[in-house]
Every structure is written in C-alpha cells, then in structure tokens.
N, C-alpha and C. Protein backbone atom coordinates (compact mmCIF):
# COMPACT_ATOMS: atom_id res chain seq x y z
N ASP A 1 310.37 180.64 186.46
CA ASP A 1 310.34 178.92 187.02
C ASP A 1 310.08 178.34 185.79
N VAL A 2 310.94 177.14 186.13
CA VAL A 2 311.11 176.07 184.95
C VAL A 2 309.71 175.51 185.02
N LYS A 3 308.87 174.86 185.83
CA LYS A 3 307.62 174.06 185.56
C LYS A 3 306.57 175.06 185.21
N ASP A 4 306.96 176.65 184.69
CA ASP A 4 305.23 176.85 184.09
C ASP A 4 305.77 176.70 182.86
N HIS A 5 306.82 176.09 182.50
CA HIS A 5 307.54 175.54 180.95
C HIS A 5 307.44 175.02 179.67
N VAL A 6 307.08 174.27 179.80
CA VAL A 6 307.32 173.41 178.28
C VAL A 6 308.57 173.25 177.23
N ALA A 7 308.99 171.84 176.63
CA ALA A 7 310.24 172.48 175.62
C ALA A 7 309.87 173.46 174.72
N GLY A 8 310.45 174.06 174.44
CA GLY A 8 310.86 174.87 173.37
C GLY A 8 310.36 176.72 173.93
N ASP A 9 309.84 176.36 174.84
CA ASP A 9 309.09 177.48 175.30
C ASP A 9 310.91 178.71 175.39
N GLU A 10 309.84 179.86 175.19
CA GLU A 10 310.90 181.08 175.67
C GLU A 10 310.65 182.01 176.53
N TRP A 11 311.23 183.01 177.74
CA TRP A 11 310.76 183.12 178.50
C TRP A 11 311.76 184.09 179.15
N MET A 12 311.21 185.95 179.67
CA MET A 12 312.59 186.00 180.16
C MET A 12 312.65 186.30 181.36
N PHE A 13 313.51 186.69 181.71
CA PHE A 13 313.76 187.15 183.87
C PHE A 13 314.23 188.34 183.99
N PHE A 14 313.39 188.99 183.96
CA PHE A 14 313.35 190.72 184.57
C PHE A 14 314.41 190.55 185.84
N GLY A 15 315.65 191.85 185.65
CA GLY A 15 316.70 191.95 186.48
C GLY A 15 315.94 192.99 187.70
N PRO A 16 316.18 193.54 188.42
CA PRO A 16 317.80 192.71 189.00
C PRO A 16 317.32 191.34 190.02
N GLY A 17 318.63 190.84 189.76
CA GLY A 17 317.95 189.91 190.15
C GLY A 17 319.72 188.77 189.61
N THR A 18 319.80 187.52 190.18
CA THR A 18 320.61 186.51 190.18
C THR A 18 319.82 185.76 189.73
N TYR A 19 319.72 185.05 188.10
CA TYR A 19 319.87 183.88 187.58
C TYR A 19 320.30 182.99 187.46
N ILE A 20 320.00 181.65 187.79
CA ILE A 20 320.54 180.18 188.29
C ILE A 20 319.62 179.65 187.50
N PRO A 21 319.72 179.13 185.93
CA PRO A 21 319.50 177.90 185.32
C PRO A 21 319.02 176.91 185.91
N ASP A 22 318.29 176.49 185.70
CA ASP A 22 318.19 174.77 185.94
C ASP A 22 318.98 173.96 183.97
N VAL A 23 319.12 172.80 184.97
CA VAL A 23 319.69 172.18 183.85
C VAL A 23 319.18 171.81 182.40
N ALA A 24 317.99 171.78 182.52
CA ALA A 24 316.92 171.60 181.76
C ALA A 24 316.94 173.02 180.42
N VAL A 25 317.24 174.53 181.07
CA VAL A 25 317.47 175.45 180.21
C VAL A 25 318.66 176.21 179.73
N GLN A 26 318.36 176.12 178.70
CA GLN A 26 319.26 177.60 177.85
C GLN A 26 319.44 178.66 177.58
N VAL A 27 320.19 179.53 178.30
CA VAL A 27 320.48 181.15 178.61
C VAL A 27 320.01 181.28 176.75
N VAL A 28 319.22 181.76 175.97
CA VAL A 28 319.36 182.39 174.44
C VAL A 28 320.12 183.78 174.09
N GLU A 29 320.34 184.38 175.36
CA GLU A 29 320.84 186.14 175.19
C GLU A 29 320.29 187.01 176.36
N VAL A 30 320.91 187.86 176.58
CA VAL A 30 321.23 188.68 177.31
C VAL A 30 320.39 189.88 176.92
N VAL A 31 319.17 190.93 177.10
CA VAL A 31 318.46 191.71 176.38
C VAL A 31 319.20 192.97 177.12
N SER A 32 319.44 194.05 176.80
CA SER A 32 319.38 195.04 177.41
C SER A 32 318.55 196.24 176.76
N SER A 33 318.81 197.39 178.05
CA SER A 33 316.92 198.08 177.23
C SER A 33 317.71 199.53 176.66
N ILE A 34 316.65 199.25 175.66
CA ILE A 34 316.96 200.31 174.66
C ILE A 34 316.38 201.58 174.82
N ILE A 35 316.83 202.79 174.82
CA ILE A 35 316.93 204.56 174.97
C ILE A 35 315.72 204.82 174.09
N VAL A 36 314.52 205.42 173.58
CA VAL A 36 314.00 205.94 173.12
C VAL A 36 313.40 207.42 172.91
N HIS A 37 314.43 207.85 172.64
CA HIS A 37 314.63 209.38 172.44
C HIS A 37 313.19 210.49 172.24
N GLU A 38 313.21 211.41 172.78
CA GLU A 38 312.21 211.59 172.23
C GLU A 38 312.19 212.48 170.73
N ASN A 39 310.97 212.33 169.35
CA ASN A 39 311.36 212.86 168.11
C ASN A 39 311.55 211.76 167.97
N SER A 40 311.42 210.42 168.37
CA SER A 40 312.05 209.09 167.16
C SER A 40 311.65 208.26 167.88
N ALA A 41 310.80 207.41 167.64
CA ALA A 41 309.91 206.12 167.41
C ALA A 41 310.76 204.67 167.66
N LEU A 42 311.00 203.19 168.18
CA LEU A 42 311.32 201.83 167.67
C LEU A 42 310.40 201.03 166.90
N LYS A 43 310.99 200.28 165.68
CA LYS A 43 310.60 199.97 164.87
C LYS A 43 310.36 198.19 164.81
N LEU A 44 308.93 197.69 165.41
CA LEU A 44 308.47 196.36 166.03
C LEU A 44 308.09 195.32 165.45
N ARG A 45 308.75 194.46 165.84
CA ARG A 45 308.05 193.19 164.65
C ARG A 45 307.61 191.98 165.58
N ALA A 46 306.74 191.22 165.22
CA ALA A 46 306.08 190.43 166.24
C ALA A 46 306.99 188.88 165.28
N ARG A 47 307.83 187.83 166.55
CA ARG A 47 307.56 187.50 165.99
C ARG A 47 306.87 186.05 165.94
N LEU A 48 305.87 185.80 166.89
CA LEU A 48 304.74 184.99 166.77
C LEU A 48 303.53 185.62 167.05
N ALA A 49 302.83 184.92 167.39
CA ALA A 49 301.67 185.69 167.84
C ALA A 49 301.33 186.02 169.76
N PHE A 50 300.75 187.11 169.73
CA PHE A 50 301.38 187.49 171.37
C PHE A 50 300.76 188.33 171.93
N VAL A 51 300.28 189.09 173.25
CA VAL A 51 299.07 189.69 173.08
C VAL A 51 300.72 190.86 173.86
N ASP A 52 301.01 191.97 173.30
CA ASP A 52 301.74 192.55 173.73
C ASP A 52 302.10 193.64 175.38
N ARG A 53 302.68 194.29 175.55
CA ARG A 53 302.71 194.93 176.57
C ARG A 53 301.44 195.99 177.04
N GLN A 54 301.27 196.50 175.80
CA GLN A 54 299.95 197.53 176.01
C GLN A 54 298.57 196.52 175.82
N LYS A 55 298.80 195.73 175.77
CA LYS A 55 297.15 194.53 176.11
C LYS A 55 296.57 194.47 174.67
N LYS A 56 297.40 194.13 173.19
CA LYS A 56 296.77 194.48 172.01
C LYS A 56 297.57 192.87 171.90
N GLN A 57 296.55 192.40 171.13
CA GLN A 57 297.08 191.16 169.98
C GLN A 57 297.74 191.40 168.99
N ARG A 58 298.72 190.88 168.66
CA ARG A 58 299.61 190.85 167.84
C ARG A 58 299.97 190.05 167.01
N GLU A 59 300.10 189.08 165.47
CA GLU A 59 299.90 188.65 164.78
C GLU A 59 301.16 188.35 164.80
N ALA A 60 301.55 187.34 164.25
CA ALA A 60 303.57 186.92 163.55
C ALA A 60 303.73 187.47 162.45
N GLY A 61 305.03 188.27 162.68
CA GLY A 61 304.91 189.59 161.63
C GLY A 61 304.58 190.53 161.09
N GLU A 62 303.42 191.36 162.64
CA GLU A 62 303.09 191.92 162.32
C GLU A 62 304.28 193.41 162.91
N GLU A 63 303.96 194.29 162.14
CA GLU A 63 305.15 195.67 162.55
C GLU A 63 304.06 196.91 163.01
N TRP A 64 304.73 197.54 164.39
CA TRP A 64 304.42 198.79 164.54
C TRP A 64 305.24 199.58 165.15
N LEU A 65 304.70 200.53 165.59
CA LEU A 65 306.04 201.15 166.08
C LEU A 65 305.95 202.14 167.90
N TRP A 66 307.02 201.88 168.59
CA TRP A 66 306.90 202.34 170.04
C TRP A 66 307.42 203.76 170.68
N ARG A 67 306.37 204.88 170.42
CA ARG A 67 306.55 205.87 169.74
C ARG A 67 306.92 206.56 171.74
N THR A 68 306.80 205.78 172.95
CA THR A 68 306.63 205.87 174.35
C THR A 68 308.41 206.38 174.03
N THR A 69 308.41 208.31 175.14
CA THR A 69 310.05 208.43 175.09
C THR A 69 310.75 207.23 176.64
N GLY A 70 311.53 207.21 176.35
CA GLY A 70 312.26 206.36 177.91
C GLY A 70 312.92 204.94 177.55
N ALA A 71 313.12 204.26 178.67
CA ALA A 71 313.42 203.16 178.54
C ALA A 71 312.82 201.80 178.00
N PHE A 72 313.10 201.18 176.82
CA PHE A 72 312.44 199.90 176.15
C PHE A 72 312.94 198.95 176.26
N LEU A 73 312.56 197.72 176.75
CA LEU A 73 312.82 196.83 176.83
C LEU A 73 312.15 195.63 176.03
N PRO A 74 312.65 194.92 175.15
CA PRO A 74 312.11 194.22 174.12
C PRO A 74 311.14 193.23 175.28
N ASP A 75 309.85 192.80 174.40
CA ASP A 75 309.79 190.88 175.31
C ASP A 75 310.19 189.78 173.93
N VAL A 76 310.22 189.00 174.44
CA VAL A 76 311.17 188.02 173.84
C VAL A 76 310.34 187.66 172.02
N HIS A 77 308.95 188.19 172.04
CA HIS A 77 308.43 187.95 171.28
C HIS A 77 308.62 188.96 169.94
N GLU A 78 309.50 189.90 170.77
CA GLU A 78 309.41 191.21 169.57
C GLU A 78 311.00 191.22 169.43
N GLU A 79 311.07 192.33 167.93
CA GLU A 79 312.14 191.51 167.26
C GLU A 79 312.21 193.39 167.02
N VAL A 80 313.28 193.76 167.36
CA VAL A 80 313.58 195.99 167.31
C VAL A 80 314.07 195.87 165.64
N LEU A 81 313.42 196.37 164.72
CA LEU A 81 313.67 196.48 163.96
C LEU A 81 314.72 198.10 163.22
N GLY A 82 314.89 199.12 163.78
CA GLY A 82 315.25 199.88 164.13
C GLY A 82 314.78 201.10 164.83
N VAL A 83 315.24 202.23 164.68
CA VAL A 83 314.82 203.62 164.74
C VAL A 83 314.54 204.43 163.88
N VAL A 84 313.37 204.87 164.43
CA VAL A 84 312.79 206.06 163.21
C VAL A 84 312.75 207.24 163.42
N HIS A 85 313.11 208.51 162.87
CA HIS A 85 313.28 209.54 163.29
C HIS A 85 312.07 210.28 162.68
N ALA A 86 311.44 211.24 163.62
CA ALA A 86 310.66 212.34 163.36
C ALA A 86 311.22 213.51 161.77
N HIS A 87 310.35 213.94 161.49
CA HIS A 87 310.88 214.37 159.94
C HIS A 87 310.30 216.18 160.74
N VAL A 88 310.83 217.09 160.82
CA VAL A 88 310.48 218.33 161.55
C VAL A 88 309.27 219.05 160.10
N LEU A 89 308.40 219.76 159.96
CA LEU A 89 307.74 220.45 159.82
C LEU A 89 308.02 221.95 160.03
N THR A 90 307.45 223.09 159.07
CA THR A 90 308.16 224.31 159.61
C THR A 90 306.63 224.45 158.33
N ASP A 91 306.55 226.44 158.64
CA ASP A 91 305.33 226.35 158.11
C ASP A 91 305.26 226.88 156.22
N LYS A 92 306.78 226.23 155.96
CA LYS A 92 307.84 226.89 154.80
C LYS A 92 308.05 225.34 154.03
N LYS A 93 307.41 224.19 154.76
CA LYS A 93 307.86 222.72 154.31
C LYS A 93 306.84 221.58 155.37
N ALA A 94 306.46 220.59 154.00
CA ALA A 94 305.15 219.28 154.37
C ALA A 94 306.04 218.52 154.29
N LEU A 95 305.18 217.45 154.33
CA LEU A 95 306.07 215.88 153.73
C LEU A 95 304.39 215.73 153.05
N HIS A 96 304.83 215.03 151.88
CA HIS A 96 304.51 214.32 151.00
C HIS A 96 304.31 212.84 151.43
N VAL A 97 303.12 212.10 152.02
CA VAL A 97 303.16 211.09 152.48
C VAL A 97 302.31 209.95 151.52
N LYS A 98 302.49 208.40 151.31
CA LYS A 98 301.92 207.93 150.90
C LYS A 98 301.78 206.15 151.16
N ALA A 99 300.52 206.07 151.48
CA ALA A 99 299.64 204.75 152.67
C ALA A 99 300.36 203.23 151.81
N LEU A 100 300.58 202.50 152.47
CA LEU A 100 301.19 201.46 151.80
C LEU A 100 299.63 200.50 152.15
N ALA A 101 299.39 200.44 152.55
CA ALA A 101 298.18 199.72 153.36
C ALA A 101 296.80 200.24 153.90
N LYS A 102 295.79 199.45 154.30
CA LYS A 102 294.94 200.16 155.13
C LYS A 102 294.81 200.36 156.19
N PHE A 103 295.22 201.34 156.59
CA PHE A 103 295.34 201.74 158.32
C PHE A 103 294.54 203.28 158.50
N THR A 104 294.47 203.23 159.81
CA THR A 104 294.47 204.56 160.85
C THR A 104 295.52 205.13 161.37
N ASP A 105 295.57 206.48 160.62
CA ASP A 105 297.41 206.76 161.14
C ASP A 105 297.32 207.70 162.26
N ALA A 106 298.30 208.28 162.71
CA ALA A 106 298.48 208.88 163.80
C ALA A 106 298.19 210.28 164.28
N PHE A 107 296.83 210.38 162.90
CA PHE A 107 295.71 211.74 163.20
C PHE A 107 294.84 211.36 163.59
N GLY A 108 294.17 209.65 163.59
CA GLY A 108 292.62 209.14 163.59
C GLY A 108 292.05 208.95 162.47
N LYS A 109 292.86 209.67 161.01
CA LYS A 109 292.31 209.19 159.85
C LYS A 109 292.27 207.77 159.04
N ASN A 110 291.37 207.56 158.59
CA ASN A 110 291.38 205.99 158.03
C ASN A 110 292.08 206.42 156.65
N ARG A 111 293.11 205.49 156.10
CA ARG A 111 293.80 205.96 155.01
C ARG A 111 293.54 204.39 154.27
N GLN A 112 293.60 204.63 152.63
CA GLN A 112 293.35 203.51 152.19
C GLN A 112 294.66 203.18 151.04
N ALA A 113 294.83 202.27 150.55
CA ALA A 113 296.43 201.82 150.28
C ALA A 113 296.26 202.54 148.30
N GLY A 114 297.64 203.61 148.60
CA GLY A 114 298.01 204.54 147.85
C GLY A 114 297.25 205.90 147.53
N GLN A 115 296.28 206.08 148.65
CA GLN A 115 296.13 207.34 149.26
C GLN A 115 297.20 207.86 149.43
N GLU A 116 297.25 209.66 149.16
CA GLU A 116 298.84 210.45 149.36
C GLU A 116 297.88 211.44 149.51
N TRP A 117 298.88 211.79 150.97
CA TRP A 117 298.65 213.58 151.62
C TRP A 117 299.13 214.33 152.00
N LEU A 118 299.62 215.33 152.46
CA LEU A 118 300.24 216.02 153.28
C LEU A 118 299.74 216.31 154.00
N VAL A 119 301.71 216.65 154.93
CA VAL A 119 300.94 216.53 156.63
C VAL A 119 302.24 217.93 156.39
N THR A 120 301.50 219.04 157.11
CA THR A 120 301.80 220.07 157.16
C THR A 120 302.03 220.36 159.09
N ILE A 121 302.70 221.79 159.23
CA ILE A 121 303.12 221.61 160.43
C ILE A 121 300.80 222.10 161.19
N GLY A 122 300.65 222.36 160.66
CA GLY A 122 298.68 222.71 160.78
C GLY A 122 298.46 221.20 161.89
N ASP A 123 298.94 219.99 161.83
CA ASP A 123 299.04 218.49 161.60
C ASP A 123 299.51 217.92 163.18
N ALA A 124 301.47 219.38 163.01
CA ALA A 124 302.14 218.57 163.97
C ALA A 124 303.22 219.13 163.84
N PRO A 125 304.52 219.64 164.29
CA PRO A 125 305.53 219.68 164.36
C PRO A 125 306.06 218.95 163.94
N THR A 126 305.82 217.99 164.48
CA THR A 126 306.80 216.80 163.44
C THR A 126 306.23 215.66 163.22
N HIS A 127 306.98 214.23 162.49
CA HIS A 127 306.06 213.28 162.30
C HIS A 127 306.95 212.21 161.67
N ILE A 128 306.04 210.95 162.50
CA ILE A 128 307.22 209.87 162.82
C ILE A 128 306.58 209.48 161.70
N PRO A 129 307.13 208.92 160.02
CA PRO A 129 306.16 207.81 159.78
C PRO A 129 305.53 206.43 160.19
N ASP A 130 304.26 206.27 159.97
CA ASP A 130 304.16 204.89 160.65
C ASP A 130 305.04 203.93 159.73
N VAL A 131 304.67 202.81 159.58
CA VAL A 131 304.99 201.54 158.90
C VAL A 131 304.44 201.01 158.07
N TYR A 132 302.91 201.85 157.61
CA TYR A 132 302.52 201.85 156.62
C TYR A 132 302.19 203.43 155.90
N GLU A 133 303.17 203.97 155.70
CA GLU A 133 303.20 205.34 155.20
C GLU A 133 304.98 205.18 154.59
N LYS A 134 304.54 205.73 153.64
CA LYS A 134 306.48 205.50 152.42
C LYS A 134 305.96 207.41 152.66
N VAL A 135 307.22 208.07 153.32
CA VAL A 135 308.03 209.43 152.69
C VAL A 135 308.34 209.56 150.99
N VAL A 136 307.51 210.41 149.62
CA VAL A 136 307.01 210.44 149.00
C VAL A 136 308.51 211.10 148.64
N GLY A 137 307.85 212.68 149.57
CA GLY A 137 309.55 213.70 149.30
C GLY A 137 308.64 215.32 150.63
N GLU A 138 309.43 215.73 150.85
CA GLU A 138 309.30 216.96 151.23
C GLU A 138 308.79 218.09 150.26
N VAL A 139 307.56 218.77 150.68
CA VAL A 139 307.33 220.00 149.77
C VAL A 139 307.38 220.99 150.46
N GLN A 140 308.36 221.76 149.61
CA GLN A 140 308.41 223.31 150.02
C GLN A 140 307.03 224.20 149.80
N ILE A 141 306.80 225.40 150.47
CA ILE A 141 305.85 226.15 150.21
C ILE A 141 306.26 226.85 148.42
N THR A 142 304.90 227.39 148.04
CA THR A 142 305.19 228.00 146.65
C THR A 142 304.42 229.10 146.85
N THR A 143 304.93 230.49 147.29
CA THR A 143 304.53 231.67 146.71
C THR A 143 304.33 232.45 145.75
N LEU A 144 302.87 232.68 145.25
CA LEU A 144 302.12 233.08 144.34
C LEU A 144 302.18 234.88 144.13
N THR A 145 302.74 235.51 143.19
CA THR A 145 302.54 236.89 143.32
C THR A 145 301.31 237.37 142.95
N SER A 146 300.79 238.70 142.76
CA SER A 146 299.48 238.77 142.15
C SER A 146 299.53 238.90 140.69
N ARG A 147 300.47 238.39 139.80
CA ARG A 147 300.10 238.13 138.44
C ARG A 147 299.99 236.84 138.21
N GLN A 148 300.39 236.32 139.06
CA GLN A 148 300.26 234.61 139.05
C GLN A 148 298.91 233.74 139.20
N PHE A 149 298.48 232.67 138.98
CA PHE A 149 297.66 231.81 139.45
C PHE A 149 297.72 229.73 139.23
N VAL A 150 296.98 229.30 139.91
CA VAL A 150 297.09 228.36 140.16
C VAL A 150 295.60 227.65 139.46
N VAL A 151 295.70 226.48 138.76
CA VAL A 151 295.12 226.07 137.81
C VAL A 151 295.05 224.11 138.38
N VAL A 152 294.57 224.23 139.59
CA VAL A 152 294.24 222.67 140.15
C VAL A 152 293.43 221.13 139.42
N ARG A 153 293.92 220.22 139.17
CA ARG A 153 293.83 219.27 138.21
C ARG A 153 293.49 218.12 139.17
N ASP A 154 291.91 217.70 138.75
CA ASP A 154 292.07 216.52 139.49
C ASP A 154 291.40 217.33 141.03
N PRO A 155 290.70 218.16 141.76
CA PRO A 155 290.85 218.51 142.71
C PRO A 155 289.71 217.54 143.82
N ILE A 156 289.97 217.99 144.79
CA ILE A 156 289.28 217.65 146.17
C ILE A 156 288.32 218.22 146.48
N VAL A 157 286.43 217.75 146.44
CA VAL A 157 285.86 218.83 146.73
C VAL A 157 285.04 218.45 147.44
N ASP A 158 284.68 218.08 148.49
CA ASP A 158 284.06 217.92 150.21
C ASP A 158 284.70 216.83 150.23
N GLY A 159 285.83 216.82 149.91
CA GLY A 159 286.52 215.14 150.67
C GLY A 159 286.35 214.29 149.28
N THR A 160 285.82 214.32 148.33
CA THR A 160 286.08 212.97 146.82
C THR A 160 286.61 213.91 145.80
N GLN A 161 287.63 213.58 145.39
CA GLN A 161 288.30 213.67 144.58
C GLN A 161 287.92 213.71 142.95
N ARG A 162 288.03 215.31 142.59
CA ARG A 162 286.90 215.40 141.04
C ARG A 162 288.09 214.80 139.49
N PHE A 163 288.00 213.58 139.48
CA PHE A 163 288.75 213.35 138.74
C PHE A 163 288.42 214.19 136.74
N GLY A 164 289.27 214.71 135.88
CA GLY A 164 288.85 214.97 135.08
C GLY A 164 288.29 216.87 135.10
N GLN A 165 288.67 217.31 136.31
CA GLN A 165 288.36 218.26 136.77
C GLN A 165 289.24 219.70 136.68
N LYS A 166 288.74 220.87 136.36
CA LYS A 166 289.76 221.62 136.48
C LYS A 166 289.23 222.49 137.80
N ARG A 167 290.01 223.47 138.46
CA ARG A 167 289.69 224.13 139.21
C ARG A 167 290.83 225.42 139.03
N LEU A 168 290.29 226.92 139.26
CA LEU A 168 291.30 227.87 138.68
C LEU A 168 291.53 228.49 140.87
C-alpha cells in the first residue's frame, strides 16, 4: 500500500496476485525465486542496514551465506552475489582453509584473521566455505612406511602453537 511508504522507499509485492501500481510508484524489477540445491549456498550482501528473514540485524555491505535448501526469494535489501558450492571431503582428502577476518565458523569455533586449519571428513562430509574463509587448497593424505618418520615444526600443543619447537 502506497500510504505506508515515503518517497525513495523500496518494497516488494509478494504474489500470487495482480499488482496495479499507483501513479506515484515505479516498478523497478520483477524478482524470481532462486533454487538453492543440496551442497550449495547463496552468497548475499546487504544493500543497506535492515533486519533479515531470520530476524538478524544486517549492516550495509555485510556478506553472509544462505544455506537452506529450497526456493529463496531475495529481499529488496539483499543482493545475490552468486552460488557457492561445497567441497566434498574423503578419508584421503582434506581442505586447507584460512580465515580472512575474525568470525565463528560453521562448526562453532572462533577463528582469528590469518588463522589456518584443516577441515576433514571427521568435521563434515562436505564443506561450504564461509564468506570469511579462503580455501588455500586441497590436501591429500600422506602415508608413511615403517622406515619413515615426521618432524613437526611449530607444533600445536594443548591448542597453542609452539613456534621454534620441533616434535618427532
């Protein structure tokens, strides 16, 4: 209803229905829903500050992922940047990931900017990188024989990285 809006406001008319615009209203675009498939997510950006459909406050320029499968109809204040596909993990392949900013990952762990870690099949069978994660690469398993050994430089002991130390 035009009476509820002021000049410059943007809003959506949700169908099904017939929309007959008022003389003072301009139809900017017709928006269709996007199907989010299994093992994929939509990367979204807020055009301006608003409260999203999950009742979460979003700031202008903020980016996030919509992981729920099914039809997705973007809000007037949301911009769809693209589709992010999952990486399939196996018992022989892991994902090397780096944090681009401080955030809480999909597994509930707090990550610091620059922190690197491996996502293995023990964490999840597939992984969709978050907007604050950069995939450095895929890591294959290394199998050692009985005549080989490994020296770990800068090991992580009790959750703390020990720079300058080595472990056999």
